Amino acid sequence: MIVLGIDPGIAIVGYGIIDYIGNKFKVLDYGVIRTKSDLSYPERLELIFNGLNQIISSYNIDEIAVEELFFCKNVKTAIDVAHARGVIALCGQLNKKPIYEYTPLQVKQGVSGYGKADKRQVQEMVKLLLNLKTIPKPDDAADALAIAISHCHTSKITGMFRA
């Protein structure tokens, strides 16, 4: 199963692609899609859509796992991320890929076994589980890999959460 994990944002969208065979992970790719703040909002959303579309078509993605929007103190940031999540959902839907959503607590639980693990603990577990020499950078890419790992662990136990 090839899983695309996505950490949504408007300036930076983290992505991580893993192949999950049995109980083993193989990293296929990870990185970020960046949009510049001097672009119009529709242009930024288009860049996110096109970037994800290219990733989905370049890898034979089976499933997409996305972090759910959690409470933000800054309403504008929450709305921006919600728009980006809408573009991500549309891209997955148009490519006929199932999309699953996970809260930050579920991601931490799925990767570290502890829902209140701190960012560093989760990153260390991502490095360990994926047999990497270093923690993936930037943080958004590491978070996306954590989302993909969590999806693999969760889907095996629960039979999937569907968005």
N, C-alpha and C. Protein backbone atom coordinates (compact mmCIF):
# COMPACT_ATOMS: atom_id res chain seq x y z
N MET A 1 0.85 -1.17 0.00
CA MET A 1 0.00 0.00 0.00
C MET A 1 0.90 1.24 0.00
N ILE A 2 0.69 2.10 -0.96
CA ILE A 2 1.45 3.36 -1.02
C ILE A 2 0.57 4.47 -0.47
N VAL A 3 1.06 5.12 0.58
CA VAL A 3 0.30 6.13 1.29
C VAL A 3 0.97 7.49 1.14
N LEU A 4 0.16 8.48 0.83
CA LEU A 4 0.60 9.88 0.79
C LEU A 4 0.08 10.55 2.04
N GLY A 5 0.99 10.95 2.93
CA GLY A 5 0.62 11.71 4.12
C GLY A 5 0.78 13.19 3.81
N ILE A 6 -0.19 13.99 4.28
CA ILE A 6 -0.16 15.42 3.99
C ILE A 6 -0.37 16.22 5.27
N ASP A 7 0.54 17.17 5.48
CA ASP A 7 0.42 18.16 6.56
C ASP A 7 -0.02 19.46 5.88
N PRO A 8 -1.32 19.81 5.97
CA PRO A 8 -1.83 20.94 5.18
C PRO A 8 -1.39 22.30 5.71
N GLY A 9 -1.30 23.24 4.79
CA GLY A 9 -1.01 24.63 5.10
C GLY A 9 -1.19 25.44 3.84
N ILE A 10 -1.10 26.75 3.95
CA ILE A 10 -1.21 27.59 2.77
C ILE A 10 0.17 28.01 2.28
N ALA A 11 1.10 28.28 3.18
CA ALA A 11 2.46 28.66 2.79
C ALA A 11 3.30 27.41 2.51
N ILE A 12 3.10 26.38 3.33
CA ILE A 12 3.87 25.14 3.20
C ILE A 12 2.92 23.96 3.39
N VAL A 13 2.93 23.05 2.43
CA VAL A 13 2.21 21.78 2.54
C VAL A 13 3.27 20.69 2.61
N GLY A 14 3.31 19.99 3.72
CA GLY A 14 4.25 18.89 3.84
C GLY A 14 3.66 17.63 3.24
N TYR A 15 4.52 16.84 2.59
CA TYR A 15 4.06 15.55 2.07
C TYR A 15 5.10 14.49 2.35
N GLY A 16 4.61 13.28 2.54
CA GLY A 16 5.47 12.12 2.76
C GLY A 16 4.83 10.92 2.11
N ILE A 17 5.62 10.19 1.34
CA ILE A 17 5.10 9.02 0.63
C ILE A 17 5.84 7.79 1.13
N ILE A 18 5.06 6.83 1.62
CA ILE A 18 5.67 5.60 2.10
C ILE A 18 4.96 4.40 1.47
N ASP A 19 5.73 3.35 1.30
CA ASP A 19 5.19 2.08 0.85
C ASP A 19 5.14 1.19 2.09
N TYR A 20 3.97 0.70 2.40
CA TYR A 20 3.77 -0.11 3.60
C TYR A 20 3.47 -1.54 3.16
N ILE A 21 4.42 -2.41 3.40
CA ILE A 21 4.28 -3.81 3.00
C ILE A 21 4.42 -4.66 4.26
N GLY A 22 3.36 -5.40 4.59
CA GLY A 22 3.37 -6.17 5.83
C GLY A 22 3.44 -5.21 6.99
N ASN A 23 4.50 -5.29 7.76
CA ASN A 23 4.72 -4.36 8.86
C ASN A 23 5.94 -3.49 8.61
N LYS A 24 6.36 -3.39 7.37
CA LYS A 24 7.58 -2.65 7.06
C LYS A 24 7.27 -1.42 6.21
N PHE A 25 8.02 -0.37 6.49
CA PHE A 25 7.88 0.89 5.77
C PHE A 25 9.07 1.11 4.85
N LYS A 26 8.79 1.66 3.69
CA LYS A 26 9.84 2.10 2.79
C LYS A 26 9.49 3.52 2.37
N VAL A 27 10.41 4.45 2.62
CA VAL A 27 10.19 5.84 2.22
C VAL A 27 10.42 5.97 0.72
N LEU A 28 9.43 6.51 0.04
CA LEU A 28 9.56 6.73 -1.39
C LEU A 28 9.96 8.18 -1.68
N ASP A 29 9.43 9.12 -0.89
CA ASP A 29 9.75 10.53 -1.10
C ASP A 29 9.14 11.34 0.04
N TYR A 30 9.67 12.51 0.26
CA TYR A 30 9.06 13.48 1.17
C TYR A 30 9.59 14.86 0.85
N GLY A 31 8.84 15.85 1.26
CA GLY A 31 9.24 17.23 1.00
C GLY A 31 8.09 18.17 1.27
N VAL A 32 8.15 19.34 0.65
CA VAL A 32 7.11 20.35 0.85
C VAL A 32 6.76 21.02 -0.47
N ILE A 33 5.55 21.51 -0.53
CA ILE A 33 5.11 22.39 -1.59
C ILE A 33 5.02 23.77 -0.95
N ARG A 34 5.78 24.72 -1.47
CA ARG A 34 5.79 26.08 -0.92
C ARG A 34 5.05 27.03 -1.84
N THR A 35 4.33 27.96 -1.23
CA THR A 35 3.70 29.03 -2.00
C THR A 35 4.19 30.36 -1.44
N LYS A 36 4.42 31.29 -2.32
CA LYS A 36 4.94 32.61 -1.90
C LYS A 36 3.79 33.52 -1.49
N SER A 37 4.03 34.28 -0.45
CA SER A 37 2.99 35.16 0.09
C SER A 37 2.63 36.31 -0.85
N ASP A 38 3.50 36.61 -1.83
CA ASP A 38 3.17 37.70 -2.75
C ASP A 38 2.26 37.26 -3.90
N LEU A 39 1.94 35.96 -3.96
CA LEU A 39 1.00 35.47 -4.96
C LEU A 39 -0.42 35.69 -4.46
N SER A 40 -1.36 35.75 -5.40
CA SER A 40 -2.76 35.86 -5.00
C SER A 40 -3.18 34.56 -4.34
N TYR A 41 -4.25 34.65 -3.56
CA TYR A 41 -4.73 33.46 -2.86
C TYR A 41 -5.10 32.34 -3.84
N PRO A 42 -5.84 32.64 -4.91
CA PRO A 42 -6.15 31.58 -5.88
C PRO A 42 -4.90 30.98 -6.52
N GLU A 43 -3.87 31.79 -6.76
CA GLU A 43 -2.63 31.26 -7.33
C GLU A 43 -1.96 30.29 -6.36
N ARG A 44 -1.99 30.62 -5.08
CA ARG A 44 -1.38 29.75 -4.08
C ARG A 44 -2.12 28.41 -4.01
N LEU A 45 -3.43 28.47 -4.05
CA LEU A 45 -4.22 27.24 -4.02
C LEU A 45 -3.98 26.41 -5.28
N GLU A 46 -3.82 27.08 -6.41
CA GLU A 46 -3.53 26.37 -7.66
C GLU A 46 -2.18 25.66 -7.59
N LEU A 47 -1.18 26.32 -7.00
CA LEU A 47 0.14 25.68 -6.83
C LEU A 47 0.04 24.43 -5.97
N ILE A 48 -0.74 24.52 -4.90
CA ILE A 48 -0.92 23.35 -4.03
C ILE A 48 -1.58 22.23 -4.81
N PHE A 49 -2.65 22.56 -5.52
CA PHE A 49 -3.38 21.55 -6.30
C PHE A 49 -2.47 20.91 -7.34
N ASN A 50 -1.76 21.72 -8.10
CA ASN A 50 -0.89 21.18 -9.16
C ASN A 50 0.25 20.35 -8.59
N GLY A 51 0.82 20.80 -7.48
CA GLY A 51 1.90 20.04 -6.84
C GLY A 51 1.43 18.68 -6.37
N LEU A 52 0.28 18.64 -5.70
CA LEU A 52 -0.25 17.36 -5.24
C LEU A 52 -0.66 16.47 -6.39
N ASN A 53 -1.25 17.07 -7.40
CA ASN A 53 -1.65 16.30 -8.58
C ASN A 53 -0.44 15.61 -9.20
N GLN A 54 0.67 16.34 -9.28
CA GLN A 54 1.90 15.77 -9.84
C GLN A 54 2.42 14.63 -8.97
N ILE A 55 2.38 14.82 -7.66
CA ILE A 55 2.85 13.78 -6.74
C ILE A 55 1.99 12.53 -6.87
N ILE A 56 0.68 12.71 -6.90
CA ILE A 56 -0.23 11.56 -7.00
C ILE A 56 -0.01 10.81 -8.30
N SER A 57 0.22 11.54 -9.39
CA SER A 57 0.42 10.85 -10.67
C SER A 57 1.82 10.26 -10.81
N SER A 58 2.81 10.82 -10.11
CA SER A 58 4.18 10.30 -10.19
C SER A 58 4.37 9.00 -9.42
N TYR A 59 3.61 8.85 -8.34
CA TYR A 59 3.69 7.66 -7.51
C TYR A 59 2.32 7.00 -7.61
N ASN A 60 2.28 5.74 -7.57
CA ASN A 60 1.00 5.04 -7.67
C ASN A 60 0.32 5.04 -6.30
N ILE A 61 -0.13 6.21 -5.87
CA ILE A 61 -0.71 6.39 -4.54
C ILE A 61 -1.98 5.57 -4.41
N ASP A 62 -2.08 4.83 -3.31
CA ASP A 62 -3.29 4.07 -3.03
C ASP A 62 -4.25 4.84 -2.13
N GLU A 63 -3.70 5.52 -1.12
CA GLU A 63 -4.53 6.22 -0.14
C GLU A 63 -3.84 7.50 0.30
N ILE A 64 -4.67 8.46 0.71
CA ILE A 64 -4.16 9.75 1.18
C ILE A 64 -4.61 9.94 2.63
N ALA A 65 -3.67 10.33 3.48
CA ALA A 65 -3.97 10.62 4.88
C ALA A 65 -3.62 12.08 5.14
N VAL A 66 -4.57 12.81 5.73
CA VAL A 66 -4.42 14.25 5.95
C VAL A 66 -4.66 14.56 7.42
N GLU A 67 -3.88 15.48 7.95
CA GLU A 67 -4.12 15.92 9.32
C GLU A 67 -5.35 16.81 9.35
N GLU A 68 -6.23 16.56 10.31
CA GLU A 68 -7.42 17.38 10.48
C GLU A 68 -7.03 18.75 11.00
N LEU A 69 -7.86 19.70 10.68
CA LEU A 69 -7.67 21.06 11.20
C LEU A 69 -8.02 21.04 12.68
N PHE A 70 -7.11 21.55 13.48
CA PHE A 70 -7.37 21.62 14.90
C PHE A 70 -7.57 23.08 15.27
N PHE A 71 -8.00 23.31 16.48
CA PHE A 71 -8.30 24.67 16.93
C PHE A 71 -7.08 25.58 16.77
N CYS A 72 -7.32 26.73 16.17
CA CYS A 72 -6.27 27.75 16.00
C CYS A 72 -6.70 29.02 16.71
N LYS A 73 -5.76 29.68 17.34
CA LYS A 73 -6.07 30.97 17.96
C LYS A 73 -6.28 32.03 16.89
N ASN A 74 -5.57 31.90 15.79
CA ASN A 74 -5.66 32.87 14.70
C ASN A 74 -6.70 32.38 13.69
N VAL A 75 -7.84 33.06 13.64
CA VAL A 75 -8.93 32.65 12.77
C VAL A 75 -8.53 32.69 11.31
N LYS A 76 -7.77 33.72 10.89
CA LYS A 76 -7.36 33.82 9.50
C LYS A 76 -6.50 32.61 9.10
N THR A 77 -5.59 32.20 9.97
CA THR A 77 -4.76 31.03 9.70
C THR A 77 -5.63 29.79 9.55
N ALA A 78 -6.60 29.63 10.43
CA ALA A 78 -7.49 28.47 10.36
C ALA A 78 -8.27 28.46 9.05
N ILE A 79 -8.73 29.60 8.61
CA ILE A 79 -9.49 29.68 7.36
C ILE A 79 -8.57 29.37 6.18
N ASP A 80 -7.36 29.91 6.20
CA ASP A 80 -6.39 29.64 5.12
C ASP A 80 -6.09 28.14 5.02
N VAL A 81 -5.86 27.51 6.16
CA VAL A 81 -5.56 26.07 6.17
C VAL A 81 -6.79 25.28 5.71
N ALA A 82 -7.97 25.73 6.11
CA ALA A 82 -9.19 25.05 5.68
C ALA A 82 -9.35 25.11 4.16
N HIS A 83 -9.03 26.26 3.57
CA HIS A 83 -9.07 26.36 2.11
C HIS A 83 -8.07 25.39 1.47
N ALA A 84 -6.88 25.34 2.01
CA ALA A 84 -5.86 24.42 1.47
C ALA A 84 -6.33 22.97 1.61
N ARG A 85 -6.96 22.65 2.73
CA ARG A 85 -7.49 21.29 2.92
C ARG A 85 -8.58 20.98 1.89
N GLY A 86 -9.37 21.99 1.54
CA GLY A 86 -10.39 21.79 0.51
C GLY A 86 -9.76 21.45 -0.83
N VAL A 87 -8.69 22.14 -1.17
CA VAL A 87 -7.97 21.86 -2.42
C VAL A 87 -7.36 20.46 -2.38
N ILE A 88 -6.82 20.09 -1.24
CA ILE A 88 -6.23 18.76 -1.07
C ILE A 88 -7.31 17.69 -1.25
N ALA A 89 -8.47 17.90 -0.63
CA ALA A 89 -9.58 16.94 -0.75
C ALA A 89 -10.05 16.85 -2.21
N LEU A 90 -10.16 17.98 -2.87
CA LEU A 90 -10.58 17.99 -4.27
C LEU A 90 -9.58 17.23 -5.15
N CYS A 91 -8.31 17.46 -4.92
CA CYS A 91 -7.27 16.78 -5.70
C CYS A 91 -7.37 15.26 -5.51
N GLY A 92 -7.53 14.82 -4.27
CA GLY A 92 -7.69 13.39 -4.01
C GLY A 92 -8.94 12.83 -4.66
N GLN A 93 -10.04 13.57 -4.56
CA GLN A 93 -11.30 13.12 -5.14
C GLN A 93 -11.21 13.02 -6.66
N LEU A 94 -10.64 14.02 -7.30
CA LEU A 94 -10.52 14.00 -8.76
C LEU A 94 -9.62 12.87 -9.25
N ASN A 95 -8.67 12.48 -8.40
CA ASN A 95 -7.77 11.37 -8.73
C ASN A 95 -8.31 10.02 -8.25
N LYS A 96 -9.52 10.04 -7.70
CA LYS A 96 -10.19 8.81 -7.23
C LYS A 96 -9.38 8.07 -6.16
N LYS A 97 -8.78 8.85 -5.26
CA LYS A 97 -8.01 8.27 -4.16
C LYS A 97 -8.76 8.47 -2.85
N PRO A 98 -8.92 7.43 -2.04
CA PRO A 98 -9.59 7.59 -0.75
C PRO A 98 -8.77 8.49 0.17
N ILE A 99 -9.49 9.33 0.91
CA ILE A 99 -8.84 10.29 1.81
C ILE A 99 -9.28 9.99 3.24
N TYR A 100 -8.31 9.93 4.14
CA TYR A 100 -8.56 9.65 5.55
C TYR A 100 -8.00 10.81 6.36
N GLU A 101 -8.71 11.15 7.44
CA GLU A 101 -8.30 12.29 8.26
C GLU A 101 -7.96 11.83 9.67
N TYR A 102 -6.95 12.48 10.25
CA TYR A 102 -6.50 12.15 11.60
C TYR A 102 -6.22 13.42 12.38
N THR A 103 -6.62 13.41 13.63
CA THR A 103 -6.32 14.54 14.51
C THR A 103 -4.84 14.47 14.90
N PRO A 104 -4.28 15.59 15.34
CA PRO A 104 -2.90 15.55 15.83
C PRO A 104 -2.70 14.51 16.94
N LEU A 105 -3.68 14.37 17.81
CA LEU A 105 -3.59 13.38 18.89
C LEU A 105 -3.54 11.97 18.33
N GLN A 106 -4.35 11.68 17.31
CA GLN A 106 -4.33 10.35 16.69
C GLN A 106 -2.99 10.08 16.00
N VAL A 107 -2.41 11.10 15.39
CA VAL A 107 -1.11 10.93 14.72
C VAL A 107 -0.03 10.61 15.75
N LYS A 108 -0.01 11.38 16.84
CA LYS A 108 0.97 11.12 17.89
C LYS A 108 0.81 9.72 18.46
N GLN A 109 -0.44 9.33 18.69
CA GLN A 109 -0.72 7.98 19.22
C GLN A 109 -0.27 6.91 18.23
N GLY A 110 -0.55 7.12 16.95
CA GLY A 110 -0.23 6.13 15.93
C GLY A 110 1.25 5.96 15.68
N VAL A 111 2.03 7.01 15.96
CA VAL A 111 3.48 6.95 15.71
C VAL A 111 4.24 6.58 16.97
N SER A 112 3.91 7.22 18.09
CA SER A 112 4.70 7.03 19.30
C SER A 112 4.02 6.16 20.35
N GLY A 113 2.72 5.91 20.17
CA GLY A 113 1.99 5.15 21.17
C GLY A 113 1.50 6.01 22.32
N TYR A 114 1.76 7.32 22.25
CA TYR A 114 1.37 8.24 23.31
C TYR A 114 0.79 9.50 22.67
N GLY A 115 -0.49 9.76 22.91
CA GLY A 115 -1.19 10.87 22.28
C GLY A 115 -0.73 12.26 22.66
N LYS A 116 0.06 12.35 23.73
CA LYS A 116 0.56 13.67 24.14
C LYS A 116 2.07 13.79 23.96
N ALA A 117 2.62 12.96 23.08
CA ALA A 117 4.06 13.03 22.80
C ALA A 117 4.40 14.41 22.24
N ASP A 118 5.59 14.89 22.55
CA ASP A 118 5.98 16.19 21.98
C ASP A 118 6.53 16.00 20.58
N LYS A 119 6.73 17.11 19.90
CA LYS A 119 7.14 17.10 18.49
C LYS A 119 8.45 16.32 18.31
N ARG A 120 9.40 16.52 19.19
CA ARG A 120 10.70 15.85 19.09
C ARG A 120 10.55 14.33 19.22
N GLN A 121 9.71 13.87 20.15
CA GLN A 121 9.49 12.43 20.31
C GLN A 121 8.90 11.83 19.04
N VAL A 122 7.93 12.52 18.45
CA VAL A 122 7.30 12.03 17.22
C VAL A 122 8.33 11.98 16.10
N GLN A 123 9.14 13.02 15.98
CA GLN A 123 10.16 13.06 14.92
C GLN A 123 11.18 11.94 15.10
N GLU A 124 11.58 11.67 16.31
CA GLU A 124 12.52 10.58 16.57
C GLU A 124 11.91 9.22 16.20
N MET A 125 10.63 9.05 16.49
CA MET A 125 9.95 7.81 16.13
C MET A 125 9.82 7.67 14.61
N VAL A 126 9.56 8.78 13.91
CA VAL A 126 9.50 8.75 12.45
C VAL A 126 10.85 8.28 11.91
N LYS A 127 11.92 8.86 12.43
CA LYS A 127 13.27 8.47 12.01
C LYS A 127 13.52 6.99 12.26
N LEU A 128 13.15 6.52 13.43
CA LEU A 128 13.36 5.12 13.82
C LEU A 128 12.50 4.17 12.97
N LEU A 129 11.22 4.45 12.87
CA LEU A 129 10.31 3.56 12.14
C LEU A 129 10.63 3.47 10.65
N LEU A 130 11.14 4.57 10.09
CA LEU A 130 11.46 4.60 8.67
C LEU A 130 12.93 4.28 8.39
N ASN A 131 13.67 3.97 9.45
CA ASN A 131 15.08 3.60 9.31
C ASN A 131 15.88 4.68 8.58
N LEU A 132 15.69 5.94 9.01
CA LEU A 132 16.40 7.07 8.41
C LEU A 132 17.59 7.45 9.27
N LYS A 133 18.60 8.02 8.65
CA LYS A 133 19.80 8.44 9.39
C LYS A 133 19.54 9.71 10.20
N THR A 134 18.69 10.58 9.67
CA THR A 134 18.38 11.84 10.35
C THR A 134 16.87 12.08 10.33
N ILE A 135 16.45 12.99 11.17
CA ILE A 135 15.04 13.40 11.18
C ILE A 135 14.77 14.16 9.89
N PRO A 136 13.70 13.81 9.19
CA PRO A 136 13.38 14.51 7.94
C PRO A 136 13.16 16.01 8.17
N LYS A 137 13.62 16.79 7.24
CA LYS A 137 13.46 18.24 7.28
C LYS A 137 12.82 18.70 5.99
N PRO A 138 12.07 19.76 6.00
CA PRO A 138 11.65 20.54 7.16
C PRO A 138 10.61 19.79 8.01
N ASP A 139 10.22 20.41 9.12
CA ASP A 139 9.29 19.79 10.06
C ASP A 139 7.99 19.37 9.38
N ASP A 140 7.53 20.14 8.41
CA ASP A 140 6.27 19.84 7.73
C ASP A 140 6.36 18.49 7.00
N ALA A 141 7.51 18.17 6.44
CA ALA A 141 7.70 16.88 5.77
C ALA A 141 7.73 15.75 6.80
N ALA A 142 8.40 15.99 7.93
CA ALA A 142 8.43 14.98 9.00
C ALA A 142 7.02 14.73 9.53
N ASP A 143 6.24 15.81 9.67
CA ASP A 143 4.85 15.67 10.13
C ASP A 143 4.03 14.86 9.13
N ALA A 144 4.24 15.11 7.84
CA ALA A 144 3.50 14.38 6.80
C ALA A 144 3.85 12.89 6.84
N LEU A 145 5.11 12.57 7.05
CA LEU A 145 5.51 11.16 7.18
C LEU A 145 4.86 10.53 8.41
N ALA A 146 4.78 11.30 9.50
CA ALA A 146 4.12 10.80 10.72
C ALA A 146 2.65 10.51 10.45
N ILE A 147 2.00 11.36 9.67
CA ILE A 147 0.59 11.16 9.32
C ILE A 147 0.44 9.88 8.50
N ALA A 148 1.34 9.65 7.55
CA ALA A 148 1.29 8.43 6.73
C ALA A 148 1.52 7.19 7.59
N ILE A 149 2.49 7.24 8.48
CA ILE A 149 2.77 6.11 9.38
C ILE A 149 1.55 5.83 10.25
N SER A 150 1.00 6.88 10.83
CA SER A 150 -0.17 6.74 11.69
C SER A 150 -1.33 6.10 10.93
N HIS A 151 -1.51 6.51 9.70
CA HIS A 151 -2.58 5.91 8.88
C HIS A 151 -2.35 4.41 8.70
N CYS A 152 -1.14 4.03 8.40
CA CYS A 152 -0.83 2.60 8.23
C CYS A 152 -1.11 1.82 9.50
N HIS A 153 -0.67 2.35 10.63
CA HIS A 153 -0.90 1.66 11.90
C HIS A 153 -2.39 1.63 12.25
N THR A 154 -3.06 2.74 12.07
CA THR A 154 -4.48 2.85 12.43
C THR A 154 -5.35 2.02 11.51
N SER A 155 -5.09 2.07 10.22
CA SER A 155 -5.93 1.35 9.28
C SER A 155 -5.82 -0.16 9.48
N LYS A 156 -4.67 -0.60 9.90
CA LYS A 156 -4.46 -2.04 10.15
C LYS A 156 -5.28 -2.50 11.36
N ILE A 157 -5.38 -1.64 12.36
CA ILE A 157 -6.08 -1.99 13.59
C ILE A 157 -7.60 -1.80 13.45
N THR A 158 -8.02 -0.69 12.88
CA THR A 158 -9.44 -0.32 12.91
C THR A 158 -10.19 -0.64 11.63
N GLY A 159 -9.47 -0.94 10.57
CA GLY A 159 -10.15 -1.15 9.31
C GLY A 159 -10.46 0.16 8.61
N MET A 160 -9.77 1.23 8.95
CA MET A 160 -9.79 2.52 8.27
C MET A 160 -10.76 3.52 8.89
N PHE A 161 -10.35 4.76 8.85
CA PHE A 161 -11.21 5.92 9.14
C PHE A 161 -11.40 6.59 7.79
N ARG A 162 -12.57 6.83 7.39
CA ARG A 162 -12.80 7.49 6.10
C ARG A 162 -13.26 8.91 6.34
N ALA A 163 -12.69 9.84 5.61
CA ALA A 163 -13.08 11.25 5.73
C ALA A 163 -14.48 11.45 5.18
